[in-house]
Amino acid sequence: MRIASGEEVLVARVLAEDGRAGFGFSFRLDATEARHMAEWAAGVRAERPHYSPHLNHAWERAFLAHEAIRWEEEAAFRAIEWLPKP
């Protein structure tokens, strides 16, 4: 997706068997990086993935600070229609 600054980011969603959803991102457009982050967020990956910042975006800062990522701050993220719906 394209964020407000014009940069592109790959966003992944993982659904755990119990219905928990986890999201991940990659500003390097690396699907493995985004998937591992989403798996960890959904609780299906035990090890928190290593992440090196790329753009100093709010999502990166939150992840690195072990804070909740405010996904909805990007209008493009709010516009995603996930199937099945979370």
PDB file of N, CA and C in Angstrom:
ATOM      1  N   MET A   1       0.841  -1.166   0.000  1.00  0.00           N
ATOM      2  CA  MET A   1       0.000   0.000   0.000  1.00  0.00           C
ATOM      3  C   MET A   1       0.888   1.232   0.000  1.00  0.00           C
ATOM      4  N   ARG A   2       0.314   2.351  -0.379  1.00  0.00           N
ATOM      5  CA  ARG A   2       1.066   3.606  -0.385  1.00  0.00           C
ATOM      6  C   ARG A   2       0.606   4.433   0.816  1.00  0.00           C
ATOM      7  N   ILE A   3       1.577   4.862   1.646  1.00  0.00           N
ATOM      8  CA  ILE A   3       1.246   5.649   2.824  1.00  0.00           C
ATOM      9  C   ILE A   3       1.165   7.127   2.452  1.00  0.00           C
ATOM     10  N   ALA A   4       0.745   7.948   3.398  1.00  0.00           N
ATOM     11  CA  ALA A   4       0.526   9.374   3.142  1.00  0.00           C
ATOM     12  C   ALA A   4       1.753  10.087   2.596  1.00  0.00           C
ATOM     13  N   SER A   5       2.948   9.664   3.008  1.00  0.00           N
ATOM     14  CA  SER A   5       4.184  10.315   2.532  1.00  0.00           C
ATOM     15  C   SER A   5       4.534   9.950   1.095  1.00  0.00           C
ATOM     16  N   GLY A   6       3.824   8.971   0.525  1.00  0.00           N
ATOM     17  CA  GLY A   6       4.098   8.527  -0.839  1.00  0.00           C
ATOM     18  C   GLY A   6       4.926   7.263  -0.913  1.00  0.00           C
ATOM     19  N   GLU A   7       5.495   6.853   0.214  1.00  0.00           N
ATOM     20  CA  GLU A   7       6.289   5.618   0.255  1.00  0.00           C
ATOM     21  C   GLU A   7       5.366   4.402   0.173  1.00  0.00           C
ATOM     22  N   GLU A   8       5.912   3.301  -0.297  1.00  0.00           N
ATOM     23  CA  GLU A   8       5.173   2.048  -0.331  1.00  0.00           C
ATOM     24  C   GLU A   8       5.568   1.177   0.851  1.00  0.00           C
ATOM     25  N   VAL A   9       4.601   0.413   1.349  1.00  0.00           N
ATOM     26  CA  VAL A   9       4.835  -0.513   2.449  1.00  0.00           C
ATOM     27  C   VAL A   9       4.040  -1.776   2.170  1.00  0.00           C
ATOM     28  N   LEU A  10       4.649  -2.895   2.465  1.00  0.00           N
ATOM     29  CA  LEU A  10       3.963  -4.171   2.350  1.00  0.00           C
ATOM     30  C   LEU A  10       3.380  -4.491   3.726  1.00  0.00           C
ATOM     31  N   VAL A  11       2.096  -4.774   3.783  1.00  0.00           N
ATOM     32  CA  VAL A  11       1.413  -5.091   5.038  1.00  0.00           C
ATOM     33  C   VAL A  11       0.924  -6.523   4.966  1.00  0.00           C
ATOM     34  N   ALA A  12       1.130  -7.257   6.053  1.00  0.00           N
ATOM     35  CA  ALA A  12       0.679  -8.655   6.123  1.00  0.00           C
ATOM     36  C   ALA A  12      -0.257  -8.825   7.308  1.00  0.00           C
ATOM     37  N   ARG A  13      -1.201  -9.748   7.167  1.00  0.00           N
ATOM     38  CA  ARG A  13      -2.077 -10.114   8.275  1.00  0.00           C
ATOM     39  C   ARG A  13      -2.015 -11.623   8.432  1.00  0.00           C
ATOM     40  N   VAL A  14      -1.919 -12.075   9.671  1.00  0.00           N
ATOM     41  CA  VAL A  14      -1.933 -13.506   9.990  1.00  0.00           C
ATOM     42  C   VAL A  14      -3.109 -13.755  10.917  1.00  0.00           C
ATOM     43  N   LEU A  15      -3.870 -14.796  10.630  1.00  0.00           N
ATOM     44  CA  LEU A  15      -4.970 -15.205  11.495  1.00  0.00           C
ATOM     45  C   LEU A  15      -4.583 -16.494  12.193  1.00  0.00           C
ATOM     46  N   ALA A  16      -4.593 -16.463  13.527  1.00  0.00           N
ATOM     47  CA  ALA A  16      -4.306 -17.659  14.318  1.00  0.00           C
ATOM     48  C   ALA A  16      -5.547 -18.555  14.297  1.00  0.00           C
ATOM     49  N   GLU A  17      -5.352 -19.831  14.596  1.00  0.00           N
ATOM     50  CA  GLU A  17      -6.472 -20.770  14.588  1.00  0.00           C
ATOM     51  C   GLU A  17      -7.572 -20.362  15.556  1.00  0.00           C
ATOM     52  N   ASP A  18      -7.211 -19.669  16.635  1.00  0.00           N
ATOM     53  CA  ASP A  18      -8.223 -19.251  17.610  1.00  0.00           C
ATOM     54  C   ASP A  18      -8.873 -17.913  17.253  1.00  0.00           C
ATOM     55  N   GLY A  19      -8.557 -17.373  16.065  1.00  0.00           N
ATOM     56  CA  GLY A  19      -9.186 -16.146  15.590  1.00  0.00           C
ATOM     57  C   GLY A  19      -8.400 -14.870  15.830  1.00  0.00           C
ATOM     58  N   ARG A  20      -7.310 -14.938  16.601  1.00  0.00           N
ATOM     59  CA  ARG A  20      -6.498 -13.735  16.811  1.00  0.00           C
ATOM     60  C   ARG A  20      -5.860 -13.306  15.502  1.00  0.00           C
ATOM     61  N   ALA A  21      -5.835 -11.998  15.276  1.00  0.00           N
ATOM     62  CA  ALA A  21      -5.203 -11.449  14.081  1.00  0.00           C
ATOM     63  C   ALA A  21      -3.949 -10.688  14.483  1.00  0.00           C
ATOM     64  N   GLY A  22      -2.920 -10.804  13.671  1.00  0.00           N
ATOM     65  CA  GLY A  22      -1.692 -10.050  13.872  1.00  0.00           C
ATOM     66  C   GLY A  22      -1.304  -9.382  12.570  1.00  0.00           C
ATOM     67  N   PHE A  23      -0.778  -8.183  12.657  1.00  0.00           N
ATOM     68  CA  PHE A  23      -0.360  -7.437  11.477  1.00  0.00           C
ATOM     69  C   PHE A  23       1.141  -7.199  11.511  1.00  0.00           C
ATOM     70  N   GLY A  24       1.720  -7.093  10.345  1.00  0.00           N
ATOM     71  CA  GLY A  24       3.132  -6.785  10.207  1.00  0.00           C
ATOM     72  C   GLY A  24       3.345  -5.898   8.997  1.00  0.00           C
ATOM     73  N   PHE A  25       4.521  -5.315   8.895  1.00  0.00           N
ATOM     74  CA  PHE A  25       4.812  -4.412   7.787  1.00  0.00           C
ATOM     75  C   PHE A  25       6.254  -4.553   7.353  1.00  0.00           C
ATOM     76  N   SER A  26       6.531  -4.072   6.145  1.00  0.00           N
ATOM     77  CA  SER A  26       7.903  -3.980   5.664  1.00  0.00           C
ATOM     78  C   SER A  26       7.999  -2.808   4.698  1.00  0.00           C
ATOM     79  N   PHE A  27       8.825  -1.830   5.046  1.00  0.00           N
ATOM     80  CA  PHE A  27       9.088  -0.722   4.138  1.00  0.00           C
ATOM     81  C   PHE A  27      10.131  -1.116   3.097  1.00  0.00           C
ATOM     82  N   ARG A  28      10.729  -2.285   3.266  1.00  0.00           N
ATOM     83  CA  ARG A  28      11.650  -2.831   2.260  1.00  0.00           C
ATOM     84  C   ARG A  28      10.898  -3.730   1.281  1.00  0.00           C
ATOM     85  N   LEU A  29       9.578  -3.835   1.467  1.00  0.00           N
ATOM     86  CA  LEU A  29       8.699  -4.667   0.638  1.00  0.00           C
ATOM     87  C   LEU A  29       9.116  -6.128   0.696  1.00  0.00           C
ATOM     88  N   ASP A  30       9.552  -6.552   1.880  1.00  0.00           N
ATOM     89  CA  ASP A  30      10.004  -7.919   2.122  1.00  0.00           C
ATOM     90  C   ASP A  30       8.862  -8.698   2.770  1.00  0.00           C
ATOM     91  N   ALA A  31       8.266  -9.613   2.027  1.00  0.00           N
ATOM     92  CA  ALA A  31       7.113 -10.364   2.524  1.00  0.00           C
ATOM     93  C   ALA A  31       7.452 -11.204   3.748  1.00  0.00           C
ATOM     94  N   THR A  32       8.648 -11.759   3.794  1.00  0.00           N
ATOM     95  CA  THR A  32       9.044 -12.572   4.952  1.00  0.00           C
ATOM     96  C   THR A  32       9.111 -11.703   6.203  1.00  0.00           C
ATOM     97  N   GLU A  33       9.686 -10.534   6.090  1.00  0.00           N
ATOM     98  CA  GLU A  33       9.783  -9.615   7.223  1.00  0.00           C
ATOM     99  C   GLU A  33       8.388  -9.262   7.756  1.00  0.00           C
ATOM    100  N   ALA A  34       7.480  -8.900   6.868  1.00  0.00           N
ATOM    101  CA  ALA A  34       6.120  -8.535   7.275  1.00  0.00           C
ATOM    102  C   ALA A  34       5.377  -9.733   7.857  1.00  0.00           C
ATOM    103  N   ARG A  35       5.535 -10.894   7.253  1.00  0.00           N
ATOM    104  CA  ARG A  35       4.848 -12.100   7.739  1.00  0.00           C
ATOM    105  C   ARG A  35       5.343 -12.506   9.114  1.00  0.00           C
ATOM    106  N   HIS A  36       6.648 -12.474   9.336  1.00  0.00           N
ATOM    107  CA  HIS A  36       7.185 -12.846  10.649  1.00  0.00           C
ATOM    108  C   HIS A  36       6.677 -11.896  11.737  1.00  0.00           C
ATOM    109  N   MET A  37       6.615 -10.610  11.421  1.00  0.00           N
ATOM    110  CA  MET A  37       6.102  -9.641  12.379  1.00  0.00           C
ATOM    111  C   MET A  37       4.624  -9.932  12.675  1.00  0.00           C
ATOM    112  N   ALA A  38       3.846 -10.232  11.643  1.00  0.00           N
ATOM    113  CA  ALA A  38       2.425 -10.532  11.817  1.00  0.00           C
ATOM    114  C   ALA A  38       2.223 -11.829  12.595  1.00  0.00           C
ATOM    115  N   GLU A  39       3.050 -12.826  12.324  1.00  0.00           N
ATOM    116  CA  GLU A  39       2.957 -14.087  13.068  1.00  0.00           C
ATOM    117  C   GLU A  39       3.238 -13.856  14.551  1.00  0.00           C
ATOM    118  N   TRP A  40       4.251 -13.055  14.845  1.00  0.00           N
ATOM    119  CA  TRP A  40       4.577 -12.757  16.239  1.00  0.00           C
ATOM    120  C   TRP A  40       3.426 -11.998  16.901  1.00  0.00           C
ATOM    121  N   ALA A  41       2.864 -11.026  16.182  1.00  0.00           N
ATOM    122  CA  ALA A  41       1.762 -10.227  16.738  1.00  0.00           C
ATOM    123  C   ALA A  41       0.516 -11.080  16.987  1.00  0.00           C
ATOM    124  N   ALA A  42       0.325 -12.118  16.185  1.00  0.00           N
ATOM    125  CA  ALA A  42      -0.831 -13.011  16.353  1.00  0.00           C
ATOM    126  C   ALA A  42      -0.571 -14.093  17.394  1.00  0.00           C
ATOM    127  N   GLY A  43       0.671 -14.173  17.867  1.00  0.00           N
ATOM    128  CA  GLY A  43       1.003 -15.161  18.885  1.00  0.00           C
ATOM    129  C   GLY A  43       1.325 -16.538  18.353  1.00  0.00           C
ATOM    130  N   VAL A  44       1.615 -16.648  17.071  1.00  0.00           N
ATOM    131  CA  VAL A  44       1.959 -17.958  16.501  1.00  0.00           C
ATOM    132  C   VAL A  44       3.457 -18.097  16.227  1.00  0.00           C
ATOM    133  N   ARG A  45       4.218 -17.066  16.536  1.00  0.00           N
ATOM    134  CA  ARG A  45       5.683 -17.103  16.434  1.00  0.00           C
ATOM    135  C   ARG A  45       6.221 -16.677  17.791  1.00  0.00           C
ATOM    136  N   ALA A  46       7.011 -17.525  18.397  1.00  0.00           N
ATOM    137  CA  ALA A  46       7.495 -17.250  19.756  1.00  0.00           C
ATOM    138  C   ALA A  46       8.522 -16.125  19.800  1.00  0.00           C
ATOM    139  N   GLU A  47       9.382 -16.085  18.819  1.00  0.00           N
ATOM    140  CA  GLU A  47      10.480 -15.123  18.834  1.00  0.00           C
ATOM    141  C   GLU A  47      10.081 -13.818  18.151  1.00  0.00           C
ATOM    142  N   ARG A  48      10.266 -12.703  18.858  1.00  0.00           N
ATOM    143  CA  ARG A  48       9.974 -11.392  18.273  1.00  0.00           C
ATOM    144  C   ARG A  48      10.991 -11.126  17.169  1.00  0.00           C
ATOM    145  N   PRO A  49      10.514 -10.794  15.971  1.00  0.00           N
ATOM    146  CA  PRO A  49      11.463 -10.590  14.873  1.00  0.00           C
ATOM    147  C   PRO A  49      12.339  -9.345  15.073  1.00  0.00           C
ATOM    148  N   HIS A  50      13.555  -9.428  14.574  1.00  0.00           N
ATOM    149  CA  HIS A  50      14.460  -8.285  14.574  1.00  0.00           C
ATOM    150  C   HIS A  50      13.994  -7.332  13.478  1.00  0.00           C
ATOM    151  N   TYR A  51      14.069  -6.043  13.732  1.00  0.00           N
ATOM    152  CA  TYR A  51      13.684  -5.066  12.718  1.00  0.00           C
ATOM    153  C   TYR A  51      14.666  -3.908  12.740  1.00  0.00           C
ATOM    154  N   SER A  52      15.151  -3.537  11.572  1.00  0.00           N
ATOM    155  CA  SER A  52      16.009  -2.362  11.419  1.00  0.00           C
ATOM    156  C   SER A  52      15.195  -1.276  10.724  1.00  0.00           C
ATOM    157  N   PRO A  53      15.113  -0.077  11.303  1.00  0.00           N
ATOM    158  CA  PRO A  53      14.290   0.974  10.712  1.00  0.00           C
ATOM    159  C   PRO A  53      14.772   1.371   9.328  1.00  0.00           C
ATOM    160  N   HIS A  54      13.810   1.787   8.523  1.00  0.00           N
ATOM    161  CA  HIS A  54      14.096   2.160   7.141  1.00  0.00           C
ATOM    162  C   HIS A  54      13.713   3.620   6.873  1.00  0.00           C
ATOM    163  N   LEU A  55      12.570   4.058   7.413  1.00  0.00           N
ATOM    164  CA  LEU A  55      12.081   5.413   7.127  1.00  0.00           C
ATOM    165  C   LEU A  55      11.831   6.266   8.370  1.00  0.00           C
ATOM    166  N   ASN A  56      12.018   5.715   9.554  1.00  0.00           N
ATOM    167  CA  ASN A  56      11.662   6.413  10.793  1.00  0.00           C
ATOM    168  C   ASN A  56      10.168   6.731  10.835  1.00  0.00           C
ATOM    169  N   HIS A  57       9.374   5.830  10.297  1.00  0.00           N
ATOM    170  CA  HIS A  57       7.912   5.966  10.301  1.00  0.00           C
ATOM    171  C   HIS A  57       7.386   5.647  11.699  1.00  0.00           C
ATOM    172  N   ALA A  58       6.216   6.178  12.028  1.00  0.00           N
ATOM    173  CA  ALA A  58       5.612   5.944  13.348  1.00  0.00           C
ATOM    174  C   ALA A  58       5.444   4.460  13.646  1.00  0.00           C
ATOM    175  N   TRP A  59       5.117   3.636  12.650  1.00  0.00           N
ATOM    176  CA  TRP A  59       4.974   2.195  12.875  1.00  0.00           C
ATOM    177  C   TRP A  59       6.308   1.595  13.303  1.00  0.00           C
ATOM    178  N   GLU A  60       7.386   2.013  12.639  1.00  0.00           N
ATOM    179  CA  GLU A  60       8.713   1.506  12.993  1.00  0.00           C
ATOM    180  C   GLU A  60       9.089   1.932  14.410  1.00  0.00           C
ATOM    181  N   ARG A  61       8.878   3.186  14.716  1.00  0.00           N
ATOM    182  CA  ARG A  61       9.225   3.677  16.051  1.00  0.00           C
ATOM    183  C   ARG A  61       8.450   2.922  17.126  1.00  0.00           C
ATOM    184  N   ALA A  62       7.164   2.678  16.903  1.00  0.00           N
ATOM    185  CA  ALA A  62       6.344   1.950  17.879  1.00  0.00           C
ATOM    186  C   ALA A  62       6.841   0.517  18.037  1.00  0.00           C
ATOM    187  N   PHE A  63       7.113  -0.160  16.930  1.00  0.00           N
ATOM    188  CA  PHE A  63       7.578  -1.547  17.010  1.00  0.00           C
ATOM    189  C   PHE A  63       8.893  -1.631  17.779  1.00  0.00           C
ATOM    190  N   LEU A  64       9.819  -0.738  17.459  1.00  0.00           N
ATOM    191  CA  LEU A  64      11.121  -0.765  18.109  1.00  0.00           C
ATOM    192  C   LEU A  64      11.049  -0.397  19.596  1.00  0.00           C
ATOM    193  N   ALA A  65      10.048   0.399  19.970  1.00  0.00           N
ATOM    194  CA  ALA A  65       9.868   0.792  21.364  1.00  0.00           C
ATOM    195  C   ALA A  65       8.986  -0.194  22.129  1.00  0.00           C
ATOM    196  N   HIS A  66       8.585  -1.280  21.478  1.00  0.00           N
ATOM    197  CA  HIS A  66       7.701  -2.289  22.089  1.00  0.00           C
ATOM    198  C   HIS A  66       6.360  -1.680  22.488  1.00  0.00           C
ATOM    199  N   GLU A  67       5.878  -0.752  21.689  1.00  0.00           N
ATOM    200  CA  GLU A  67       4.588  -0.115  21.916  1.00  0.00           C
ATOM    201  C   GLU A  67       3.579  -0.622  20.893  1.00  0.00           C
ATOM    202  N   ALA A  68       2.304  -0.431  21.187  1.00  0.00           N
ATOM    203  CA  ALA A  68       1.257  -0.819  20.232  1.00  0.00           C
ATOM    204  C   ALA A  68       1.385   0.043  18.979  1.00  0.00           C
ATOM    205  N   ILE A  69       1.268  -0.596  17.838  1.00  0.00           N
ATOM    206  CA  ILE A  69       1.327   0.133  16.571  1.00  0.00           C
ATOM    207  C   ILE A  69      -0.063   0.697  16.288  1.00  0.00           C
ATOM    208  N   ARG A  70      -0.107   1.961  15.990  1.00  0.00           N
ATOM    209  CA  ARG A  70      -1.384   2.617  15.676  1.00  0.00           C
ATOM    210  C   ARG A  70      -1.608   2.548  14.166  1.00  0.00           C
ATOM    211  N   TRP A  71      -2.046   1.386  13.735  1.00  0.00           N
ATOM    212  CA  TRP A  71      -2.223   1.108  12.310  1.00  0.00           C
ATOM    213  C   TRP A  71      -3.131   2.129  11.637  1.00  0.00           C
ATOM    214  N   GLU A  72      -4.195   2.511  12.340  1.00  0.00           N
ATOM    215  CA  GLU A  72      -5.221   3.368  11.757  1.00  0.00           C
ATOM    216  C   GLU A  72      -4.733   4.770  11.431  1.00  0.00           C
ATOM    217  N   GLU A  73      -3.525   5.133  11.866  1.00  0.00           N
ATOM    218  CA  GLU A  73      -3.007   6.464  11.539  1.00  0.00           C
ATOM    219  C   GLU A  73      -2.771   6.632  10.039  1.00  0.00           C
ATOM    220  N   GLU A  74      -2.628   5.542   9.330  1.00  0.00           N
ATOM    221  CA  GLU A  74      -2.465   5.609   7.865  1.00  0.00           C
ATOM    222  C   GLU A  74      -3.819   5.340   7.214  1.00  0.00           C
ATOM    223  N   ALA A  75      -4.311   6.316   6.473  1.00  0.00           N
ATOM    224  CA  ALA A  75      -5.616   6.183   5.817  1.00  0.00           C
ATOM    225  C   ALA A  75      -5.666   4.963   4.899  1.00  0.00           C
ATOM    226  N   ALA A  76      -4.568   4.661   4.233  1.00  0.00           N
ATOM    227  CA  ALA A  76      -4.546   3.512   3.318  1.00  0.00           C
ATOM    228  C   ALA A  76      -4.754   2.204   4.083  1.00  0.00           C
ATOM    229  N   PHE A  77      -4.249   2.104   5.309  1.00  0.00           N
ATOM    230  CA  PHE A  77      -4.463   0.904   6.115  1.00  0.00           C
ATOM    231  C   PHE A  77      -5.936   0.783   6.483  1.00  0.00           C
ATOM    232  N   ARG A  78      -6.546   1.898   6.864  1.00  0.00           N
ATOM    233  CA  ARG A  78      -7.974   1.878   7.207  1.00  0.00           C
ATOM    234  C   ARG A  78      -8.824   1.455   6.021  1.00  0.00           C
ATOM    235  N   ALA A  79      -8.348   1.701   4.808  1.00  0.00           N
ATOM    236  CA  ALA A  79      -9.121   1.392   3.601  1.00  0.00           C
ATOM    237  C   ALA A  79      -9.007  -0.074   3.164  1.00  0.00           C
ATOM    238  N   ILE A  80      -8.084  -0.834   3.752  1.00  0.00           N
ATOM    239  CA  ILE A  80      -7.923  -2.237   3.362  1.00  0.00           C
ATOM    240  C   ILE A  80      -9.166  -3.022   3.759  1.00  0.00           C
ATOM    241  N   GLU A  81      -9.663  -3.826   2.855  1.00  0.00           N
ATOM    242  CA  GLU A  81     -10.809  -4.694   3.149  1.00  0.00           C
ATOM    243  C   GLU A  81     -10.285  -6.122   3.270  1.00  0.00           C
ATOM    244  N   TRP A  82     -10.043  -6.544   4.506  1.00  0.00           N
ATOM    245  CA  TRP A  82      -9.491  -7.862   4.772  1.00  0.00           C
ATOM    246  C   TRP A  82     -10.558  -8.932   4.613  1.00  0.00           C
ATOM    247  N   LEU A  83     -10.169 -10.062   4.052  1.00  0.00           N
ATOM    248  CA  LEU A  83     -11.063 -11.225   3.944  1.00  0.00           C
ATOM    249  C   LEU A  83     -10.384 -12.406   4.586  1.00  0.00           C
ATOM    250  N   PRO A  84     -10.975 -13.150   5.447  1.00  0.00           N
ATOM    251  CA  PRO A  84     -12.241 -12.800   6.080  1.00  0.00           C
ATOM    252  C   PRO A  84     -12.037 -11.611   6.998  1.00  0.00           C
ATOM    253  N   LYS A  85     -13.110 -10.917   7.274  1.00  0.00           N
ATOM    254  CA  LYS A  85     -13.036  -9.699   8.098  1.00  0.00           C
ATOM    255  C   LYS A  85     -12.640 -10.045   9.522  1.00  0.00           C
ATOM    256  N   PRO A  86     -11.718  -9.250  10.112  1.00  0.00           N
ATOM    257  CA  PRO A  86     -11.283  -9.529  11.494  1.00  0.00           C
ATOM    258  C   PRO A  86     -12.391  -9.253  12.499  1.00  0.00           C
TER     259      PRO A  86
END
